[in-house]
Amino acid sequence: MDSTQEYSPDQEHVDGNALAGALDQFVADLTSADCMCAGCGTSGPLAAALLYRQAPGMVLRCPSCTAVLLCLTDQGDRQILTVDGVRRLVISTP
């Protein structure tokens, strides 16, 4: 279903576990993924963004407008990734 189709709560569905296979691709190196900033719309490889490591976690900022793209925080037994500033992340498949 794309975002233009209407949603009906009685449509057939399965739980989120069915997404596991499709998410396997995210174990690859994501720095070459094309990232679009939600703030200014600039696109480019994630590797071109500005990384700040002096915060409690790692903060990645847009190289054009310096908006926060994502934050990665290591809490020992888990890592928390927030991607509020990413409008779209395009990952090339082999």
PDB file of N, CA and C in Angstrom:
ATOM      1  N   MET A   1       0.846  -1.172   0.000  1.00  0.00           N
ATOM      2  CA  MET A   1       0.000   0.000   0.000  1.00  0.00           C
ATOM      3  C   MET A   1       0.891   1.234   0.000  1.00  0.00           C
ATOM      4  N   ASP A   2       0.637   2.179  -0.878  1.00  0.00           N
ATOM      5  CA  ASP A   2       1.392   3.433  -0.849  1.00  0.00           C
ATOM      6  C   ASP A   2       0.625   4.463  -0.030  1.00  0.00           C
ATOM      7  N   SER A   3       1.265   5.600   0.234  1.00  0.00           N
ATOM      8  CA  SER A   3       0.685   6.590   1.146  1.00  0.00           C
ATOM      9  C   SER A   3      -0.552   7.281   0.588  1.00  0.00           C
ATOM     10  N   THR A   4      -0.850   7.101  -0.700  1.00  0.00           N
ATOM     11  CA  THR A   4      -2.026   7.745  -1.285  1.00  0.00           C
ATOM     12  C   THR A   4      -3.274   6.861  -1.176  1.00  0.00           C
ATOM     13  N   GLN A   5      -3.104   5.589  -0.847  1.00  0.00           N
ATOM     14  CA  GLN A   5      -4.237   4.695  -0.721  1.00  0.00           C
ATOM     15  C   GLN A   5      -4.892   4.880   0.640  1.00  0.00           C
ATOM     16  N   GLU A   6      -6.199   4.700   0.678  1.00  0.00           N
ATOM     17  CA  GLU A   6      -6.929   4.838   1.933  1.00  0.00           C
ATOM     18  C   GLU A   6      -6.675   3.630   2.811  1.00  0.00           C
ATOM     19  N   TYR A   7      -6.623   3.866   4.105  1.00  0.00           N
ATOM     20  CA  TYR A   7      -6.427   2.802   5.080  1.00  0.00           C
ATOM     21  C   TYR A   7      -7.763   2.403   5.672  1.00  0.00           C
ATOM     22  N   SER A   8      -7.986   1.133   5.800  1.00  0.00           N
ATOM     23  CA  SER A   8      -9.181   0.614   6.439  1.00  0.00           C
ATOM     24  C   SER A   8      -8.729  -0.378   7.509  1.00  0.00           C
ATOM     25  N   PRO A   9      -9.176  -0.228   8.748  1.00  0.00           N
ATOM     26  CA  PRO A   9      -8.726  -1.129   9.810  1.00  0.00           C
ATOM     27  C   PRO A   9      -9.095  -2.592   9.594  1.00  0.00           C
ATOM     28  N   ASP A  10     -10.027  -2.874   8.704  1.00  0.00           N
ATOM     29  CA  ASP A  10     -10.394  -4.269   8.466  1.00  0.00           C
ATOM     30  C   ASP A  10      -9.631  -4.891   7.298  1.00  0.00           C
ATOM     31  N   GLN A  11      -8.611  -4.192   6.779  1.00  0.00           N
ATOM     32  CA  GLN A  11      -7.778  -4.775   5.725  1.00  0.00           C
ATOM     33  C   GLN A  11      -6.949  -5.908   6.318  1.00  0.00           C
ATOM     34  N   GLU A  12      -6.646  -6.901   5.474  1.00  0.00           N
ATOM     35  CA  GLU A  12      -5.838  -8.022   5.935  1.00  0.00           C
ATOM     36  C   GLU A  12      -4.437  -7.528   6.287  1.00  0.00           C
ATOM     37  N   HIS A  13      -3.912  -8.014   7.389  1.00  0.00           N
ATOM     38  CA  HIS A  13      -2.564  -7.628   7.810  1.00  0.00           C
ATOM     39  C   HIS A  13      -1.921  -8.759   8.613  1.00  0.00           C
ATOM     40  N   VAL A  14      -0.614  -8.648   8.782  1.00  0.00           N
ATOM     41  CA  VAL A  14       0.156  -9.541   9.650  1.00  0.00           C
ATOM     42  C   VAL A  14       0.925  -8.649  10.619  1.00  0.00           C
ATOM     43  N   ASP A  15       1.611  -9.242  11.589  1.00  0.00           N
ATOM     44  CA  ASP A  15       2.355  -8.408  12.524  1.00  0.00           C
ATOM     45  C   ASP A  15       3.719  -8.023  11.945  1.00  0.00           C
ATOM     46  N   GLY A  16       4.421  -7.156  12.645  1.00  0.00           N
ATOM     47  CA  GLY A  16       5.687  -6.607  12.178  1.00  0.00           C
ATOM     48  C   GLY A  16       6.797  -7.616  11.972  1.00  0.00           C
ATOM     49  N   ASN A  17       6.662  -8.829  12.513  1.00  0.00           N
ATOM     50  CA  ASN A  17       7.676  -9.862  12.304  1.00  0.00           C
ATOM     51  C   ASN A  17       7.855 -10.194  10.829  1.00  0.00           C
ATOM     52  N   ALA A  18       6.830  -9.976  10.037  1.00  0.00           N
ATOM     53  CA  ALA A  18       6.898 -10.276   8.611  1.00  0.00           C
ATOM     54  C   ALA A  18       7.874  -9.355   7.880  1.00  0.00           C
ATOM     55  N   LEU A  19       8.289  -8.296   8.527  1.00  0.00           N
ATOM     56  CA  LEU A  19       9.230  -7.346   7.937  1.00  0.00           C
ATOM     57  C   LEU A  19      10.692  -7.754   8.137  1.00  0.00           C
ATOM     58  N   ALA A  20      10.947  -8.773   8.939  1.00  0.00           N
ATOM     59  CA  ALA A  20      12.303  -9.170   9.312  1.00  0.00           C
ATOM     60  C   ALA A  20      13.221  -9.402   8.107  1.00  0.00           C
ATOM     61  N   GLY A  21      12.772 -10.122   7.109  1.00  0.00           N
ATOM     62  CA  GLY A  21      13.610 -10.400   5.940  1.00  0.00           C
ATOM     63  C   GLY A  21      13.986  -9.143   5.189  1.00  0.00           C
ATOM     64  N   ALA A  22      13.034  -8.245   5.014  1.00  0.00           N
ATOM     65  CA  ALA A  22      13.304  -6.994   4.305  1.00  0.00           C
ATOM     66  C   ALA A  22      14.263  -6.104   5.080  1.00  0.00           C
ATOM     67  N   LEU A  23      14.268  -6.212   6.394  1.00  0.00           N
ATOM     68  CA  LEU A  23      15.163  -5.375   7.211  1.00  0.00           C
ATOM     69  C   LEU A  23      16.592  -5.904   7.271  1.00  0.00           C
ATOM     70  N   ASP A  24      16.829  -7.121   6.778  1.00  0.00           N
ATOM     71  CA  ASP A  24      18.177  -7.692   6.770  1.00  0.00           C
ATOM     72  C   ASP A  24      19.179  -6.807   6.045  1.00  0.00           C
ATOM     73  N   GLN A  25      18.741  -6.062   5.047  1.00  0.00           N
ATOM     74  CA  GLN A  25      19.643  -5.215   4.268  1.00  0.00           C
ATOM     75  C   GLN A  25      20.279  -4.122   5.115  1.00  0.00           C
ATOM     76  N   PHE A  26      19.706  -3.792   6.259  1.00  0.00           N
ATOM     77  CA  PHE A  26      20.219  -2.695   7.067  1.00  0.00           C
ATOM     78  C   PHE A  26      21.445  -3.057   7.883  1.00  0.00           C
ATOM     79  N   VAL A  27      21.896  -4.291   7.815  1.00  0.00           N
ATOM     80  CA  VAL A  27      23.130  -4.650   8.503  1.00  0.00           C
ATOM     81  C   VAL A  27      24.341  -4.260   7.655  1.00  0.00           C
ATOM     82  N   ALA A  28      24.121  -3.822   6.443  1.00  0.00           N
ATOM     83  CA  ALA A  28      25.196  -3.382   5.560  1.00  0.00           C
ATOM     84  C   ALA A  28      25.678  -1.989   5.968  1.00  0.00           C
ATOM     85  N   ASP A  29      26.759  -1.536   5.369  1.00  0.00           N
ATOM     86  CA  ASP A  29      27.293  -0.198   5.612  1.00  0.00           C
ATOM     87  C   ASP A  29      26.325   0.833   5.051  1.00  0.00           C
ATOM     88  N   LEU A  30      25.734   1.628   5.906  1.00  0.00           N
ATOM     89  CA  LEU A  30      24.748   2.610   5.479  1.00  0.00           C
ATOM     90  C   LEU A  30      25.351   3.957   5.106  1.00  0.00           C
ATOM     91  N   THR A  31      26.658   4.132   5.254  1.00  0.00           N
ATOM     92  CA  THR A  31      27.243   5.440   4.975  1.00  0.00           C
ATOM     93  C   THR A  31      27.140   5.839   3.507  1.00  0.00           C
ATOM     94  N   SER A  32      26.955   4.880   2.617  1.00  0.00           N
ATOM     95  CA  SER A  32      26.798   5.216   1.197  1.00  0.00           C
ATOM     96  C   SER A  32      25.331   5.447   0.818  1.00  0.00           C
ATOM     97  N   ALA A  33      24.415   5.227   1.749  1.00  0.00           N
ATOM     98  CA  ALA A  33      22.988   5.437   1.478  1.00  0.00           C
ATOM     99  C   ALA A  33      22.725   6.909   1.198  1.00  0.00           C
ATOM    100  N   ASP A  34      21.803   7.178   0.296  1.00  0.00           N
ATOM    101  CA  ASP A  34      21.425   8.548  -0.036  1.00  0.00           C
ATOM    102  C   ASP A  34      20.412   9.022   1.006  1.00  0.00           C
ATOM    103  N   CYS A  35      20.742  10.120   1.667  1.00  0.00           N
ATOM    104  CA  CYS A  35      19.935  10.638   2.756  1.00  0.00           C
ATOM    105  C   CYS A  35      19.358  11.995   2.367  1.00  0.00           C
ATOM    106  N   MET A  36      18.044  12.163   2.548  1.00  0.00           N
ATOM    107  CA  MET A  36      17.407  13.455   2.286  1.00  0.00           C
ATOM    108  C   MET A  36      17.060  14.111   3.622  1.00  0.00           C
ATOM    109  N   CYS A  37      17.525  15.338   3.804  1.00  0.00           N
ATOM    110  CA  CYS A  37      17.263  16.103   5.012  1.00  0.00           C
ATOM    111  C   CYS A  37      15.795  16.522   5.056  1.00  0.00           C
ATOM    112  N   ALA A  38      15.143  16.280   6.188  1.00  0.00           N
ATOM    113  CA  ALA A  38      13.751  16.694   6.353  1.00  0.00           C
ATOM    114  C   ALA A  38      13.639  18.209   6.499  1.00  0.00           C
ATOM    115  N   GLY A  39      14.733  18.860   6.872  1.00  0.00           N
ATOM    116  CA  GLY A  39      14.702  20.303   7.061  1.00  0.00           C
ATOM    117  C   GLY A  39      14.780  21.095   5.774  1.00  0.00           C
ATOM    118  N   CYS A  40      15.796  20.795   4.947  1.00  0.00           N
ATOM    119  CA  CYS A  40      16.011  21.610   3.746  1.00  0.00           C
ATOM    120  C   CYS A  40      15.831  20.845   2.440  1.00  0.00           C
ATOM    121  N   GLY A  41      15.690  19.515   2.512  1.00  0.00           N
ATOM    122  CA  GLY A  41      15.477  18.725   1.302  1.00  0.00           C
ATOM    123  C   GLY A  41      16.745  18.350   0.554  1.00  0.00           C
ATOM    124  N   THR A  42      17.908  18.738   1.053  1.00  0.00           N
ATOM    125  CA  THR A  42      19.171  18.378   0.412  1.00  0.00           C
ATOM    126  C   THR A  42      19.386  16.870   0.515  1.00  0.00           C
ATOM    127  N   SER A  43      19.871  16.270  -0.577  1.00  0.00           N
ATOM    128  CA  SER A  43      20.184  14.841  -0.598  1.00  0.00           C
ATOM    129  C   SER A  43      21.656  14.637  -0.841  1.00  0.00           C
ATOM    130  N   GLY A  44      22.177  13.575  -0.267  1.00  0.00           N
ATOM    131  CA  GLY A  44      23.570  13.204  -0.478  1.00  0.00           C
ATOM    132  C   GLY A  44      23.883  11.979   0.347  1.00  0.00           C
ATOM    133  N   PRO A  45      25.076  11.425   0.149  1.00  0.00           N
ATOM    134  CA  PRO A  45      25.432  10.233   0.918  1.00  0.00           C
ATOM    135  C   PRO A  45      25.514  10.557   2.408  1.00  0.00           C
ATOM    136  N   LEU A  46      25.103   9.617   3.216  1.00  0.00           N
ATOM    137  CA  LEU A  46      25.163   9.786   4.665  1.00  0.00           C
ATOM    138  C   LEU A  46      26.592  10.124   5.106  1.00  0.00           C
ATOM    139  N   ALA A  47      27.582   9.595   4.402  1.00  0.00           N
ATOM    140  CA  ALA A  47      28.983   9.848   4.741  1.00  0.00           C
ATOM    141  C   ALA A  47      29.378  11.320   4.592  1.00  0.00           C
ATOM    142  N   ALA A  48      28.620  12.092   3.829  1.00  0.00           N
ATOM    143  CA  ALA A  48      28.944  13.506   3.624  1.00  0.00           C
ATOM    144  C   ALA A  48      28.390  14.402   4.727  1.00  0.00           C
ATOM    145  N   ALA A  49      27.564  13.846   5.607  1.00  0.00           N
ATOM    146  CA  ALA A  49      26.983  14.634   6.697  1.00  0.00           C
ATOM    147  C   ALA A  49      28.047  14.903   7.762  1.00  0.00           C
ATOM    148  N   LEU A  50      27.739  15.821   8.667  1.00  0.00           N
ATOM    149  CA  LEU A  50      28.672  16.259   9.706  1.00  0.00           C
ATOM    150  C   LEU A  50      28.403  15.491  10.996  1.00  0.00           C
ATOM    151  N   LEU A  51      29.413  14.758  11.479  1.00  0.00           N
ATOM    152  CA  LEU A  51      29.256  13.946  12.682  1.00  0.00           C
ATOM    153  C   LEU A  51      29.879  14.650  13.878  1.00  0.00           C
ATOM    154  N   TYR A  52      29.088  14.798  14.932  1.00  0.00           N
ATOM    155  CA  TYR A  52      29.560  15.375  16.192  1.00  0.00           C
ATOM    156  C   TYR A  52      29.539  14.267  17.236  1.00  0.00           C
ATOM    157  N   ARG A  53      30.715  14.016  17.852  1.00  0.00           N
ATOM    158  CA  ARG A  53      30.839  12.913  18.813  1.00  0.00           C
ATOM    159  C   ARG A  53      31.001  13.392  20.247  1.00  0.00           C
ATOM    160  N   GLN A  54      30.972  14.689  20.494  1.00  0.00           N
ATOM    161  CA  GLN A  54      31.185  15.210  21.833  1.00  0.00           C
ATOM    162  C   GLN A  54      29.914  15.173  22.690  1.00  0.00           C
ATOM    163  N   ALA A  55      28.791  14.865  22.125  1.00  0.00           N
ATOM    164  CA  ALA A  55      27.524  14.793  22.853  1.00  0.00           C
ATOM    165  C   ALA A  55      27.441  13.452  23.588  1.00  0.00           C
ATOM    166  N   PRO A  56      26.403  13.240  24.379  1.00  0.00           N
ATOM    167  CA  PRO A  56      26.235  11.932  25.022  1.00  0.00           C
ATOM    168  C   PRO A  56      26.140  10.784  24.023  1.00  0.00           C
ATOM    169  N   GLY A  57      25.792  11.082  22.804  1.00  0.00           N
ATOM    170  CA  GLY A  57      25.756  10.095  21.735  1.00  0.00           C
ATOM    171  C   GLY A  57      26.409  10.709  20.511  1.00  0.00           C
ATOM    172  N   MET A  58      26.186  10.107  19.361  1.00  0.00           N
ATOM    173  CA  MET A  58      26.692  10.673  18.110  1.00  0.00           C
ATOM    174  C   MET A  58      25.547  11.402  17.414  1.00  0.00           C
ATOM    175  N   VAL A  59      25.827  12.607  16.969  1.00  0.00           N
ATOM    176  CA  VAL A  59      24.819  13.442  16.320  1.00  0.00           C
ATOM    177  C   VAL A  59      25.282  13.709  14.898  1.00  0.00           C
ATOM    178  N   LEU A  60      24.440  13.378  13.915  1.00  0.00           N
ATOM    179  CA  LEU A  60      24.753  13.600  12.511  1.00  0.00           C
ATOM    180  C   LEU A  60      23.907  14.759  12.002  1.00  0.00           C
ATOM    181  N   ARG A  61      24.578  15.771  11.436  1.00  0.00           N
ATOM    182  CA  ARG A  61      23.886  16.977  10.973  1.00  0.00           C
ATOM    183  C   ARG A  61      24.007  17.132   9.462  1.00  0.00           C
ATOM    184  N   CYS A  62      23.001  17.764   8.874  1.00  0.00           N
ATOM    185  CA  CYS A  62      22.977  18.057   7.445  1.00  0.00           C
ATOM    186  C   CYS A  62      24.124  19.008   7.112  1.00  0.00           C
ATOM    187  N   PRO A  63      24.905  18.730   6.072  1.00  0.00           N
ATOM    188  CA  PRO A  63      26.003  19.626   5.704  1.00  0.00           C
ATOM    189  C   PRO A  63      25.527  20.947   5.094  1.00  0.00           C
ATOM    190  N   SER A  64      24.259  21.013   4.686  1.00  0.00           N
ATOM    191  CA  SER A  64      23.733  22.247   4.085  1.00  0.00           C
ATOM    192  C   SER A  64      23.113  23.185   5.105  1.00  0.00           C
ATOM    193  N   CYS A  65      22.208  22.654   5.943  1.00  0.00           N
ATOM    194  CA  CYS A  65      21.488  23.535   6.880  1.00  0.00           C
ATOM    195  C   CYS A  65      21.836  23.260   8.341  1.00  0.00           C
ATOM    196  N   THR A  66      22.650  22.268   8.610  1.00  0.00           N
ATOM    197  CA  THR A  66      23.087  21.813   9.943  1.00  0.00           C
ATOM    198  C   THR A  66      21.957  21.282  10.828  1.00  0.00           C
ATOM    199  N   ALA A  67      20.789  20.989  10.263  1.00  0.00           N
ATOM    200  CA  ALA A  67      19.720  20.357  11.045  1.00  0.00           C
ATOM    201  C   ALA A  67      20.181  18.959  11.469  1.00  0.00           C
ATOM    202  N   VAL A  68      19.711  18.503  12.613  1.00  0.00           N
ATOM    203  CA  VAL A  68      20.048  17.158  13.093  1.00  0.00           C
ATOM    204  C   VAL A  68      19.324  16.131  12.222  1.00  0.00           C
ATOM    205  N   LEU A  69      20.094  15.234  11.603  1.00  0.00           N
ATOM    206  CA  LEU A  69      19.535  14.148  10.799  1.00  0.00           C
ATOM    207  C   LEU A  69      19.201  12.953  11.681  1.00  0.00           C
ATOM    208  N   LEU A  70      20.188  12.530  12.461  1.00  0.00           N
ATOM    209  CA  LEU A  70      19.979  11.378  13.324  1.00  0.00           C
ATOM    210  C   LEU A  70      20.872  11.461  14.546  1.00  0.00           C
ATOM    211  N   CYS A  71      20.500  10.711  15.566  1.00  0.00           N
ATOM    212  CA  CYS A  71      21.287  10.584  16.793  1.00  0.00           C
ATOM    213  C   CYS A  71      21.407   9.100  17.120  1.00  0.00           C
ATOM    214  N   LEU A  72      22.610   8.697  17.510  1.00  0.00           N
ATOM    215  CA  LEU A  72      22.856   7.319  17.926  1.00  0.00           C
ATOM    216  C   LEU A  72      23.449   7.360  19.324  1.00  0.00           C
ATOM    217  N   THR A  73      22.748   6.742  20.269  1.00  0.00           N
ATOM    218  CA  THR A  73      23.175   6.734  21.662  1.00  0.00           C
ATOM    219  C   THR A  73      23.426   5.308  22.101  1.00  0.00           C
ATOM    220  N   ASP A  74      24.599   5.070  22.691  1.00  0.00           N
ATOM    221  CA  ASP A  74      24.959   3.750  23.206  1.00  0.00           C
ATOM    222  C   ASP A  74      24.671   3.735  24.706  1.00  0.00           C
ATOM    223  N   GLN A  75      23.792   2.839  25.126  1.00  0.00           N
ATOM    224  CA  GLN A  75      23.449   2.729  26.536  1.00  0.00           C
ATOM    225  C   GLN A  75      23.919   1.401  27.130  1.00  0.00           C
ATOM    226  N   GLY A  76      25.025   0.911  26.607  1.00  0.00           N
ATOM    227  CA  GLY A  76      25.606  -0.328  27.130  1.00  0.00           C
ATOM    228  C   GLY A  76      24.932  -1.565  26.596  1.00  0.00           C
ATOM    229  N   ASP A  77      23.748  -1.883  27.106  1.00  0.00           N
ATOM    230  CA  ASP A  77      23.046  -3.093  26.687  1.00  0.00           C
ATOM    231  C   ASP A  77      22.146  -2.869  25.480  1.00  0.00           C
ATOM    232  N   ARG A  78      22.087  -1.618  25.003  1.00  0.00           N
ATOM    233  CA  ARG A  78      21.266  -1.317  23.827  1.00  0.00           C
ATOM    234  C   ARG A  78      21.739  -0.019  23.189  1.00  0.00           C
ATOM    235  N   GLN A  79      21.393   0.152  21.925  1.00  0.00           N
ATOM    236  CA  GLN A  79      21.664   1.385  21.204  1.00  0.00           C
ATOM    237  C   GLN A  79      20.333   1.971  20.768  1.00  0.00           C
ATOM    238  N   ILE A  80      20.241   3.296  20.849  1.00  0.00           N
ATOM    239  CA  ILE A  80      19.009   3.978  20.456  1.00  0.00           C
ATOM    240  C   ILE A  80      19.321   4.862  19.263  1.00  0.00           C
ATOM    241  N   LEU A  81      18.594   4.652  18.180  1.00  0.00           N
ATOM    242  CA  LEU A  81      18.763   5.419  16.958  1.00  0.00           C
ATOM    243  C   LEU A  81      17.492   6.218  16.703  1.00  0.00           C
ATOM    244  N   THR A  82      17.623   7.537  16.621  1.00  0.00           N
ATOM    245  CA  THR A  82      16.501   8.382  16.235  1.00  0.00           C
ATOM    246  C   THR A  82      16.849   9.033  14.911  1.00  0.00           C
ATOM    247  N   VAL A  83      15.903   9.055  13.998  1.00  0.00           N
ATOM    248  CA  VAL A  83      16.138   9.578  12.652  1.00  0.00           C
ATOM    249  C   VAL A  83      15.095  10.627  12.286  1.00  0.00           C
ATOM    250  N   ASP A  84      14.728  11.446  13.247  1.00  0.00           N
ATOM    251  CA  ASP A  84      13.678  12.447  13.037  1.00  0.00           C
ATOM    252  C   ASP A  84      13.984  13.416  11.900  1.00  0.00           C
ATOM    253  N   GLY A  85      15.247  13.692  11.631  1.00  0.00           N
ATOM    254  CA  GLY A  85      15.602  14.670  10.612  1.00  0.00           C
ATOM    255  C   GLY A  85      15.811  14.098   9.224  1.00  0.00           C
ATOM    256  N   VAL A  86      15.553  12.814   9.042  1.00  0.00           N
ATOM    257  CA  VAL A  86      15.726  12.159   7.744  1.00  0.00           C
ATOM    258  C   VAL A  86      14.360  11.999   7.087  1.00  0.00           C
ATOM    259  N   ARG A  87      14.167  12.630   5.944  1.00  0.00           N
ATOM    260  CA  ARG A  87      12.904  12.462   5.211  1.00  0.00           C
ATOM    261  C   ARG A  87      12.895  11.153   4.459  1.00  0.00           C
ATOM    262  N   ARG A  88      14.061  10.796   3.888  1.00  0.00           N
ATOM    263  CA  ARG A  88      14.134   9.569   3.095  1.00  0.00           C
ATOM    264  C   ARG A  88      15.565   9.052   3.132  1.00  0.00           C
ATOM    265  N   LEU A  89      15.727   7.746   3.224  1.00  0.00           N
ATOM    266  CA  LEU A  89      17.030   7.097   3.178  1.00  0.00           C
ATOM    267  C   LEU A  89      16.960   6.024   2.098  1.00  0.00           C
ATOM    268  N   VAL A  90      17.758   6.180   1.052  1.00  0.00           N
ATOM    269  CA  VAL A  90      17.726   5.252  -0.082  1.00  0.00           C
ATOM    270  C   VAL A  90      18.954   4.354  -0.008  1.00  0.00           C
ATOM    271  N   ILE A  91      18.721   3.065   0.084  1.00  0.00           N
ATOM    272  CA  ILE A  91      19.786   2.077   0.203  1.00  0.00           C
ATOM    273  C   ILE A  91      19.830   1.273  -1.089  1.00  0.00           C
ATOM    274  N   SER A  92      20.972   1.315  -1.758  1.00  0.00           N
ATOM    275  CA  SER A  92      21.123   0.552  -3.001  1.00  0.00           C
ATOM    276  C   SER A  92      21.267  -0.926  -2.690  1.00  0.00           C
ATOM    277  N   THR A  93      20.594  -1.757  -3.453  1.00  0.00           N
ATOM    278  CA  THR A  93      20.707  -3.195  -3.279  1.00  0.00           C
ATOM    279  C   THR A  93      21.668  -3.726  -4.339  1.00  0.00           C
ATOM    280  N   PRO A  94      22.418  -4.767  -3.951  1.00  0.00           N
ATOM    281  CA  PRO A  94      23.397  -5.335  -4.909  1.00  0.00           C
ATOM    282  C   PRO A  94      22.736  -6.012  -6.085  1.00  0.00           C
TER     283      PRO A  94
END
